[in-house]
All heavy atoms as atom14 arrays in JSON, in Angstrom:
{
  "sequence": "GVADWSERWVPSPFIFAIVLTLIAYAAAIVLTPDGAFQN",
  "atom14_mask": [
    [1, 1, 1, 1, 0, 0, 0, 0, 0, 0, 0, 0, 0, 0],
    [1, 1, 1, 1, 1, 1, 1, 0, 0, 0, 0, 0, 0, 0],
    [1, 1, 1, 1, 1, 0, 0, 0, 0, 0, 0, 0, 0, 0],
    [1, 1, 1, 1, 1, 1, 1, 1, 0, 0, 0, 0, 0, 0],
    [1, 1, 1, 1, 1, 1, 1, 1, 1, 1, 1, 1, 1, 1],
    [1, 1, 1, 1, 1, 1, 0, 0, 0, 0, 0, 0, 0, 0],
    [1, 1, 1, 1, 1, 1, 1, 1, 1, 0, 0, 0, 0, 0],
    [1, 1, 1, 1, 1, 1, 1, 1, 1, 1, 1, 0, 0, 0],
    [1, 1, 1, 1, 1, 1, 1, 1, 1, 1, 1, 1, 1, 1],
    [1, 1, 1, 1, 1, 1, 1, 0, 0, 0, 0, 0, 0, 0],
    [1, 1, 1, 1, 1, 1, 1, 0, 0, 0, 0, 0, 0, 0],
    [1, 1, 1, 1, 1, 1, 0, 0, 0, 0, 0, 0, 0, 0],
    [1, 1, 1, 1, 1, 1, 1, 0, 0, 0, 0, 0, 0, 0],
    [1, 1, 1, 1, 1, 1, 1, 1, 1, 1, 1, 0, 0, 0],
    [1, 1, 1, 1, 1, 1, 1, 1, 0, 0, 0, 0, 0, 0],
    [1, 1, 1, 1, 1, 1, 1, 1, 1, 1, 1, 0, 0, 0],
    [1, 1, 1, 1, 1, 0, 0, 0, 0, 0, 0, 0, 0, 0],
    [1, 1, 1, 1, 1, 1, 1, 1, 0, 0, 0, 0, 0, 0],
    [1, 1, 1, 1, 1, 1, 1, 0, 0, 0, 0, 0, 0, 0],
    [1, 1, 1, 1, 1, 1, 1, 1, 0, 0, 0, 0, 0, 0],
    [1, 1, 1, 1, 1, 1, 1, 0, 0, 0, 0, 0, 0, 0],
    [1, 1, 1, 1, 1, 1, 1, 1, 0, 0, 0, 0, 0, 0],
    [1, 1, 1, 1, 1, 1, 1, 1, 0, 0, 0, 0, 0, 0],
    [1, 1, 1, 1, 1, 0, 0, 0, 0, 0, 0, 0, 0, 0],
    [1, 1, 1, 1, 1, 1, 1, 1, 1, 1, 1, 1, 0, 0],
    [1, 1, 1, 1, 1, 0, 0, 0, 0, 0, 0, 0, 0, 0],
    [1, 1, 1, 1, 1, 0, 0, 0, 0, 0, 0, 0, 0, 0],
    [1, 1, 1, 1, 1, 0, 0, 0, 0, 0, 0, 0, 0, 0],
    [1, 1, 1, 1, 1, 1, 1, 1, 0, 0, 0, 0, 0, 0],
    [1, 1, 1, 1, 1, 1, 1, 0, 0, 0, 0, 0, 0, 0],
    [1, 1, 1, 1, 1, 1, 1, 1, 0, 0, 0, 0, 0, 0],
    [1, 1, 1, 1, 1, 1, 1, 0, 0, 0, 0, 0, 0, 0],
    [1, 1, 1, 1, 1, 1, 1, 0, 0, 0, 0, 0, 0, 0],
    [1, 1, 1, 1, 1, 1, 1, 1, 0, 0, 0, 0, 0, 0],
    [1, 1, 1, 1, 0, 0, 0, 0, 0, 0, 0, 0, 0, 0],
    [1, 1, 1, 1, 1, 0, 0, 0, 0, 0, 0, 0, 0, 0],
    [1, 1, 1, 1, 1, 1, 1, 1, 1, 1, 1, 0, 0, 0],
    [1, 1, 1, 1, 1, 1, 1, 1, 1, 0, 0, 0, 0, 0],
    [1, 1, 1, 1, 1, 1, 1, 1, 0, 0, 0, 0, 0, 0]
  ],
  "atom14_positions": [
    [[7.63, 19.89, -14.61], [8.15, 18.53, -14.65], [7.65, 17.68, -13.51], [7.23, 16.53, -13.7], [0.0, 0.0, 0.0], [0.0, 0.0, 0.0], [0.0, 0.0, 0.0], [0.0, 0.0, 0.0], [0.0, 0.0, 0.0], [0.0, 0.0, 0.0], [0.0, 0.0, 0.0], [0.0, 0.0, 0.0], [0.0, 0.0, 0.0], [0.0, 0.0, 0.0]],
    [[7.68, 18.24, -12.29], [7.19, 17.5, -11.13], [5.69, 17.24, -11.25], [5.2, 16.14, -10.95], [7.51, 18.28, -9.84], [6.83, 17.61, -8.64], [9.01, 18.35, -9.62], [0.0, 0.0, 0.0], [0.0, 0.0, 0.0], [0.0, 0.0, 0.0], [0.0, 0.0, 0.0], [0.0, 0.0, 0.0], [0.0, 0.0, 0.0], [0.0, 0.0, 0.0]],
    [[4.95, 18.26, -11.71], [3.5, 18.09, -11.86], [3.17, 17.04, -12.92], [2.27, 16.22, -12.74], [2.85, 19.42, -12.21], [0.0, 0.0, 0.0], [0.0, 0.0, 0.0], [0.0, 0.0, 0.0], [0.0, 0.0, 0.0], [0.0, 0.0, 0.0], [0.0, 0.0, 0.0], [0.0, 0.0, 0.0], [0.0, 0.0, 0.0], [0.0, 0.0, 0.0]],
    [[3.9, 17.06, -14.04], [3.66, 16.05, -15.08], [3.92, 14.65, -14.55], [3.17, 13.71, -14.83], [4.56, 16.34, -16.3], [4.08, 17.56, -17.08], [2.93, 17.98, -16.89], [4.89, 18.09, -17.88], [0.0, 0.0, 0.0], [0.0, 0.0, 0.0], [0.0, 0.0, 0.0], [0.0, 0.0, 0.0], [0.0, 0.0, 0.0], [0.0, 0.0, 0.0]],
    [[5.03, 14.5, -13.82], [5.35, 13.2, -13.24], [4.25, 12.77, -12.26], [3.82, 11.62, -12.26], [6.7, 13.27, -12.52], [7.09, 11.96, -11.89], [7.76, 10.93, -12.48], [6.83, 11.55, -10.54], [7.93, 9.9, -11.58], [7.36, 10.26, -10.39], [6.19, 12.15, -9.45], [7.29, 9.57, -9.18], [6.11, 11.46, -8.26], [6.66, 10.18, -8.13]],
    [[3.79, 13.71, -11.43], [2.75, 13.39, -10.45], [1.46, 12.97, -11.13], [0.81, 11.99, -10.73], [2.49, 14.6, -9.55], [3.65, 14.93, -8.82], [0.0, 0.0, 0.0], [0.0, 0.0, 0.0], [0.0, 0.0, 0.0], [0.0, 0.0, 0.0], [0.0, 0.0, 0.0], [0.0, 0.0, 0.0], [0.0, 0.0, 0.0], [0.0, 0.0, 0.0]],
    [[1.06, 13.73, -12.17], [-0.18, 13.4, -12.86], [-0.11, 12.02, -13.52], [-1.11, 11.31, -13.61], [-0.47, 14.47, -13.91], [-0.9, 15.8, -13.32], [-1.15, 16.85, -14.38], [-1.1, 16.5, -15.59], [-1.39, 18.01, -14.03], [0.0, 0.0, 0.0], [0.0, 0.0, 0.0], [0.0, 0.0, 0.0], [0.0, 0.0, 0.0], [0.0, 0.0, 0.0]],
    [[1.08, 11.63, -13.97], [1.23, 10.35, -14.67], [1.34, 9.18, -13.7], [0.79, 8.11, -13.96], [2.47, 10.4, -15.57], [2.68, 9.14, -16.39], [3.85, 9.3, -17.35], [4.09, 8.11, -18.13], [3.46, 7.78, -19.24], [2.53, 8.6, -19.71], [3.73, 6.68, -19.89], [0.0, 0.0, 0.0], [0.0, 0.0, 0.0], [0.0, 0.0, 0.0]],
    [[2.02, 9.37, -12.57], [2.38, 8.24, -11.74], [1.75, 8.23, -10.34], [1.69, 7.16, -9.72], [3.91, 8.18, -11.58], [4.61, 7.87, -12.86], [5.32, 8.74, -13.64], [4.66, 6.61, -13.53], [5.81, 8.11, -14.75], [5.42, 6.78, -14.71], [4.13, 5.34, -13.26], [5.66, 5.75, -15.6], [4.37, 4.31, -14.14], [5.14, 4.52, -15.3]],
    [[1.35, 9.37, -9.83], [0.87, 9.42, -8.45], [-0.65, 9.28, -8.43], [-1.36, 10.14, -8.94], [1.29, 10.74, -7.76], [0.74, 10.79, -6.34], [2.81, 10.86, -7.75], [0.0, 0.0, 0.0], [0.0, 0.0, 0.0], [0.0, 0.0, 0.0], [0.0, 0.0, 0.0], [0.0, 0.0, 0.0], [0.0, 0.0, 0.0], [0.0, 0.0, 0.0]],
    [[-1.18, 8.19, -7.84], [-2.64, 8.02, -7.8], [-3.26, 8.89, -6.72], [-2.57, 9.63, -6.02], [-2.78, 6.53, -7.46], [-1.56, 6.22, -6.66], [-0.45, 7.08, -7.24], [0.0, 0.0, 0.0], [0.0, 0.0, 0.0], [0.0, 0.0, 0.0], [0.0, 0.0, 0.0], [0.0, 0.0, 0.0], [0.0, 0.0, 0.0], [0.0, 0.0, 0.0]],
    [[-4.56, 8.77, -6.54], [-5.25, 9.56, -5.53], [-4.84, 9.09, -4.14], [-4.39, 7.95, -3.94], [-6.76, 9.4, -5.69], [-7.16, 8.11, -5.24], [0.0, 0.0, 0.0], [0.0, 0.0, 0.0], [0.0, 0.0, 0.0], [0.0, 0.0, 0.0], [0.0, 0.0, 0.0], [0.0, 0.0, 0.0], [0.0, 0.0, 0.0], [0.0, 0.0, 0.0]],
    [[-4.98, 9.95, -3.12], [-4.64, 9.56, -1.76], [-5.42, 8.33, -1.28], [-4.9, 7.56, -0.48], [-4.99, 10.81, -0.93], [-4.84, 11.94, -1.9], [-5.29, 11.39, -3.22], [0.0, 0.0, 0.0], [0.0, 0.0, 0.0], [0.0, 0.0, 0.0], [0.0, 0.0, 0.0], [0.0, 0.0, 0.0], [0.0, 0.0, 0.0], [0.0, 0.0, 0.0]],
    [[-6.63, 8.15, -1.76], [-7.4, 6.97, -1.36], [-6.73, 5.69, -1.86], [-6.67, 4.68, -1.15], [-8.83, 7.08, -1.88], [-9.69, 5.9, -1.54], [-9.75, 5.42, -0.24], [-10.45, 5.26, -2.51], [-10.55, 4.33, 0.09], [-11.24, 4.18, -2.2], [-11.29, 3.7, -0.89], [0.0, 0.0, 0.0], [0.0, 0.0, 0.0], [0.0, 0.0, 0.0]],
    [[-6.21, 5.73, -3.09], [-5.47, 4.57, -3.61], [-4.23, 4.33, -2.77], [-3.86, 3.18, -2.48], [-5.11, 4.78, -5.09], [-6.37, 4.89, -5.94], [-4.23, 3.64, -5.59], [-7.27, 3.68, -5.89], [0.0, 0.0, 0.0], [0.0, 0.0, 0.0], [0.0, 0.0, 0.0], [0.0, 0.0, 0.0], [0.0, 0.0, 0.0], [0.0, 0.0, 0.0]],
    [[-3.56, 5.41, -2.35], [-2.41, 5.25, -1.47], [-2.81, 4.55, -0.17], [-2.08, 3.7, 0.34], [-1.79, 6.62, -1.15], [-0.63, 6.97, -2.04], [-0.55, 8.22, -2.62], [0.38, 6.06, -2.28], [0.52, 8.56, -3.44], [1.47, 6.38, -3.09], [1.53, 7.64, -3.67], [0.0, 0.0, 0.0], [0.0, 0.0, 0.0], [0.0, 0.0, 0.0]],
    [[-3.98, 4.9, 0.37], [-4.43, 4.27, 1.6], [-4.65, 2.77, 1.39], [-4.3, 1.96, 2.25], [-5.72, 4.93, 2.08], [0.0, 0.0, 0.0], [0.0, 0.0, 0.0], [0.0, 0.0, 0.0], [0.0, 0.0, 0.0], [0.0, 0.0, 0.0], [0.0, 0.0, 0.0], [0.0, 0.0, 0.0], [0.0, 0.0, 0.0], [0.0, 0.0, 0.0]],
    [[-5.19, 2.41, 0.24], [-5.4, 0.99, -0.07], [-4.07, 0.28, -0.26], [-3.85, -0.83, 0.26], [-6.28, 0.85, -1.33], [-7.69, 1.37, -1.05], [-6.34, -0.61, -1.78], [-8.59, 1.41, -2.27], [0.0, 0.0, 0.0], [0.0, 0.0, 0.0], [0.0, 0.0, 0.0], [0.0, 0.0, 0.0], [0.0, 0.0, 0.0], [0.0, 0.0, 0.0]],
    [[-3.15, 0.91, -0.99], [-1.83, 0.31, -1.22], [-1.1, 0.12, 0.1], [-0.48, -0.93, 0.36], [-1.0, 1.18, -2.19], [0.45, 0.71, -2.23], [-1.62, 1.17, -3.57], [0.0, 0.0, 0.0], [0.0, 0.0, 0.0], [0.0, 0.0, 0.0], [0.0, 0.0, 0.0], [0.0, 0.0, 0.0], [0.0, 0.0, 0.0], [0.0, 0.0, 0.0]],
    [[-1.15, 1.13, 0.97], [-0.5, 1.01, 2.27], [-1.14, -0.08, 3.11], [-0.45, -0.78, 3.86], [-0.57, 2.36, 2.99], [0.36, 2.52, 4.2], [1.81, 2.32, 3.81], [0.17, 3.9, 4.84], [0.0, 0.0, 0.0], [0.0, 0.0, 0.0], [0.0, 0.0, 0.0], [0.0, 0.0, 0.0], [0.0, 0.0, 0.0], [0.0, 0.0, 0.0]],
    [[-2.44, -0.26, 2.97], [-3.12, -1.37, 3.66], [-2.56, -2.71, 3.2], [-2.27, -3.6, 4.02], [-4.63, -1.32, 3.38], [-5.17, -0.09, 3.86], [-5.35, -2.48, 4.06], [0.0, 0.0, 0.0], [0.0, 0.0, 0.0], [0.0, 0.0, 0.0], [0.0, 0.0, 0.0], [0.0, 0.0, 0.0], [0.0, 0.0, 0.0], [0.0, 0.0, 0.0]],
    [[-2.4, -2.87, 1.88], [-1.87, -4.13, 1.34], [-0.43, -4.36, 1.77], [-0.03, -5.5, 2.07], [-1.99, -4.11, -0.19], [-3.41, -4.05, -0.75], [-3.37, -3.93, -2.27], [-4.22, -5.27, -0.33], [0.0, 0.0, 0.0], [0.0, 0.0, 0.0], [0.0, 0.0, 0.0], [0.0, 0.0, 0.0], [0.0, 0.0, 0.0], [0.0, 0.0, 0.0]],
    [[0.36, -3.29, 1.83], [1.76, -3.41, 2.27], [1.81, -3.86, 3.73], [2.56, -4.77, 4.09], [2.51, -2.08, 2.08], [2.68, -1.77, 0.59], [3.87, -2.12, 2.77], [3.26, -0.4, 0.31], [0.0, 0.0, 0.0], [0.0, 0.0, 0.0], [0.0, 0.0, 0.0], [0.0, 0.0, 0.0], [0.0, 0.0, 0.0], [0.0, 0.0, 0.0]],
    [[1.0, -3.21, 4.58], [0.97, -3.6, 5.99], [0.48, -5.03, 6.15], [1.02, -5.8, 6.98], [0.07, -2.63, 6.77], [0.0, 0.0, 0.0], [0.0, 0.0, 0.0], [0.0, 0.0, 0.0], [0.0, 0.0, 0.0], [0.0, 0.0, 0.0], [0.0, 0.0, 0.0], [0.0, 0.0, 0.0], [0.0, 0.0, 0.0], [0.0, 0.0, 0.0]],
    [[-0.52, -5.42, 5.37], [-1.07, -6.78, 5.44], [-0.01, -7.81, 5.05], [0.21, -8.79, 5.76], [-2.28, -6.86, 4.52], [-2.93, -8.23, 4.44], [-3.67, -8.73, 5.51], [-2.81, -8.99, 3.28], [-4.27, -9.98, 5.43], [-3.42, -10.24, 3.19], [-4.15, -10.73, 4.27], [-4.74, -11.96, 4.19], [0.0, 0.0, 0.0], [0.0, 0.0, 0.0]],
    [[0.69, -7.55, 3.94], [1.72, -8.49, 3.5], [2.88, -8.55, 4.49], [3.4, -9.65, 4.8], [2.23, -8.08, 2.12], [0.0, 0.0, 0.0], [0.0, 0.0, 0.0], [0.0, 0.0, 0.0], [0.0, 0.0, 0.0], [0.0, 0.0, 0.0], [0.0, 0.0, 0.0], [0.0, 0.0, 0.0], [0.0, 0.0, 0.0], [0.0, 0.0, 0.0]],
    [[3.3, -7.4, 5.0], [4.4, -7.39, 5.96], [4.05, -8.13, 7.23], [4.89, -8.85, 7.8], [4.79, -5.94, 6.27], [0.0, 0.0, 0.0], [0.0, 0.0, 0.0], [0.0, 0.0, 0.0], [0.0, 0.0, 0.0], [0.0, 0.0, 0.0], [0.0, 0.0, 0.0], [0.0, 0.0, 0.0], [0.0, 0.0, 0.0], [0.0, 0.0, 0.0]],
    [[2.81, -7.97, 7.69], [2.39, -8.67, 8.91], [2.38, -10.18, 8.72], [2.76, -10.94, 9.62], [1.01, -8.17, 9.35], [0.0, 0.0, 0.0], [0.0, 0.0, 0.0], [0.0, 0.0, 0.0], [0.0, 0.0, 0.0], [0.0, 0.0, 0.0], [0.0, 0.0, 0.0], [0.0, 0.0, 0.0], [0.0, 0.0, 0.0], [0.0, 0.0, 0.0]],
    [[1.98, -10.64, 7.53], [1.97, -12.08, 7.25], [3.39, -12.63, 7.24], [3.68, -13.7, 7.79], [1.27, -12.36, 5.91], [-0.23, -12.04, 6.01], [1.46, -13.82, 5.49], [-0.95, -12.14, 4.69], [0.0, 0.0, 0.0], [0.0, 0.0, 0.0], [0.0, 0.0, 0.0], [0.0, 0.0, 0.0], [0.0, 0.0, 0.0], [0.0, 0.0, 0.0]],
    [[4.3, -11.89, 6.61], [5.68, -12.36, 6.45], [6.47, -12.26, 7.74], [7.26, -13.17, 8.08], [6.38, -11.56, 5.32], [7.87, -11.92, 5.25], [5.71, -11.83, 3.98], [0.0, 0.0, 0.0], [0.0, 0.0, 0.0], [0.0, 0.0, 0.0], [0.0, 0.0, 0.0], [0.0, 0.0, 0.0], [0.0, 0.0, 0.0], [0.0, 0.0, 0.0]],
    [[6.27, -11.19, 8.51], [7.17, -10.89, 9.63], [6.62, -11.24, 11.0], [7.35, -11.17, 11.99], [7.53, -9.39, 9.6], [8.25, -8.9, 8.33], [8.42, -7.39, 8.39], [9.6, -9.59, 8.18], [0.0, 0.0, 0.0], [0.0, 0.0, 0.0], [0.0, 0.0, 0.0], [0.0, 0.0, 0.0], [0.0, 0.0, 0.0], [0.0, 0.0, 0.0]],
    [[5.34, -11.59, 11.09], [4.75, -11.9, 12.4], [4.1, -13.28, 12.35], [3.86, -13.83, 11.28], [3.69, -10.85, 12.8], [2.52, -11.04, 12.01], [4.22, -9.45, 12.61], [0.0, 0.0, 0.0], [0.0, 0.0, 0.0], [0.0, 0.0, 0.0], [0.0, 0.0, 0.0], [0.0, 0.0, 0.0], [0.0, 0.0, 0.0], [0.0, 0.0, 0.0]],
    [[3.77, -13.84, 13.52], [3.14, -15.17, 13.54], [1.73, -15.19, 12.98], [1.22, -16.27, 12.62], [3.14, -15.53, 15.04], [4.17, -14.66, 15.66], [4.15, -13.39, 14.88], [0.0, 0.0, 0.0], [0.0, 0.0, 0.0], [0.0, 0.0, 0.0], [0.0, 0.0, 0.0], [0.0, 0.0, 0.0], [0.0, 0.0, 0.0], [0.0, 0.0, 0.0]],
    [[1.06, -14.06, 12.91], [-0.33, -14.04, 12.44], [-0.39, -14.35, 10.95], [0.38, -13.8, 10.15], [-0.97, -12.67, 12.7], [-1.27, -12.45, 14.17], [-1.1, -13.4, 14.96], [-1.66, -11.33, 14.53], [0.0, 0.0, 0.0], [0.0, 0.0, 0.0], [0.0, 0.0, 0.0], [0.0, 0.0, 0.0], [0.0, 0.0, 0.0], [0.0, 0.0, 0.0]],
    [[-1.32, -15.2, 10.57], [-1.47, -15.59, 9.18], [-2.4, -14.68, 8.41], [-2.84, -13.63, 8.88], [0.0, 0.0, 0.0], [0.0, 0.0, 0.0], [0.0, 0.0, 0.0], [0.0, 0.0, 0.0], [0.0, 0.0, 0.0], [0.0, 0.0, 0.0], [0.0, 0.0, 0.0], [0.0, 0.0, 0.0], [0.0, 0.0, 0.0], [0.0, 0.0, 0.0]],
    [[-2.75, -15.12, 7.18], [-3.54, -14.29, 6.27], [-4.92, -13.99, 6.85], [-5.37, -12.83, 6.84], [-3.68, -14.99, 4.92], [0.0, 0.0, 0.0], [0.0, 0.0, 0.0], [0.0, 0.0, 0.0], [0.0, 0.0, 0.0], [0.0, 0.0, 0.0], [0.0, 0.0, 0.0], [0.0, 0.0, 0.0], [0.0, 0.0, 0.0], [0.0, 0.0, 0.0]],
    [[-5.6, -15.01, 7.36], [-6.95, -14.78, 7.87], [-6.95, -13.95, 9.14], [-7.78, -13.05, 9.32], [-7.66, -16.12, 8.12], [-9.07, -15.97, 8.6], [-10.06, -15.5, 7.73], [-9.42, -16.25, 9.91], [-11.37, -15.34, 8.17], [-10.72, -16.1, 10.36], [-11.7, -15.64, 9.47], [0.0, 0.0, 0.0], [0.0, 0.0, 0.0], [0.0, 0.0, 0.0]],
    [[-6.0, -14.22, 10.04], [-5.93, -13.48, 11.29], [-5.67, -11.99, 11.03], [-6.21, -11.13, 11.73], [-4.84, -14.05, 12.2], [-4.71, -13.34, 13.54], [-6.01, -13.35, 14.34], [-6.67, -14.39, 14.46], [-6.39, -12.2, 14.89], [0.0, 0.0, 0.0], [0.0, 0.0, 0.0], [0.0, 0.0, 0.0], [0.0, 0.0, 0.0], [0.0, 0.0, 0.0]],
    [[-4.9, -11.69, 10.01], [-4.63, -10.28, 9.73], [-5.81, -9.58, 9.08], [-5.92, -8.35, 9.17], [-3.37, -10.15, 8.86], [-2.11, -10.09, 9.7], [-1.94, -9.22, 10.53], [-1.23, -11.08, 9.5], [0.0, 0.0, 0.0], [0.0, 0.0, 0.0], [0.0, 0.0, 0.0], [0.0, 0.0, 0.0], [0.0, 0.0, 0.0], [0.0, 0.0, 0.0]]
  ]
}
């Protein structure tokens, strides 16, 4: 069951790295003075 769920929903670790990059980028724009270009 866990493996089936993982195969369906969990992308590769590289995709996770990209997603985490976007999360950090968005959070920095919203929560800090630095804007989109500066980040």
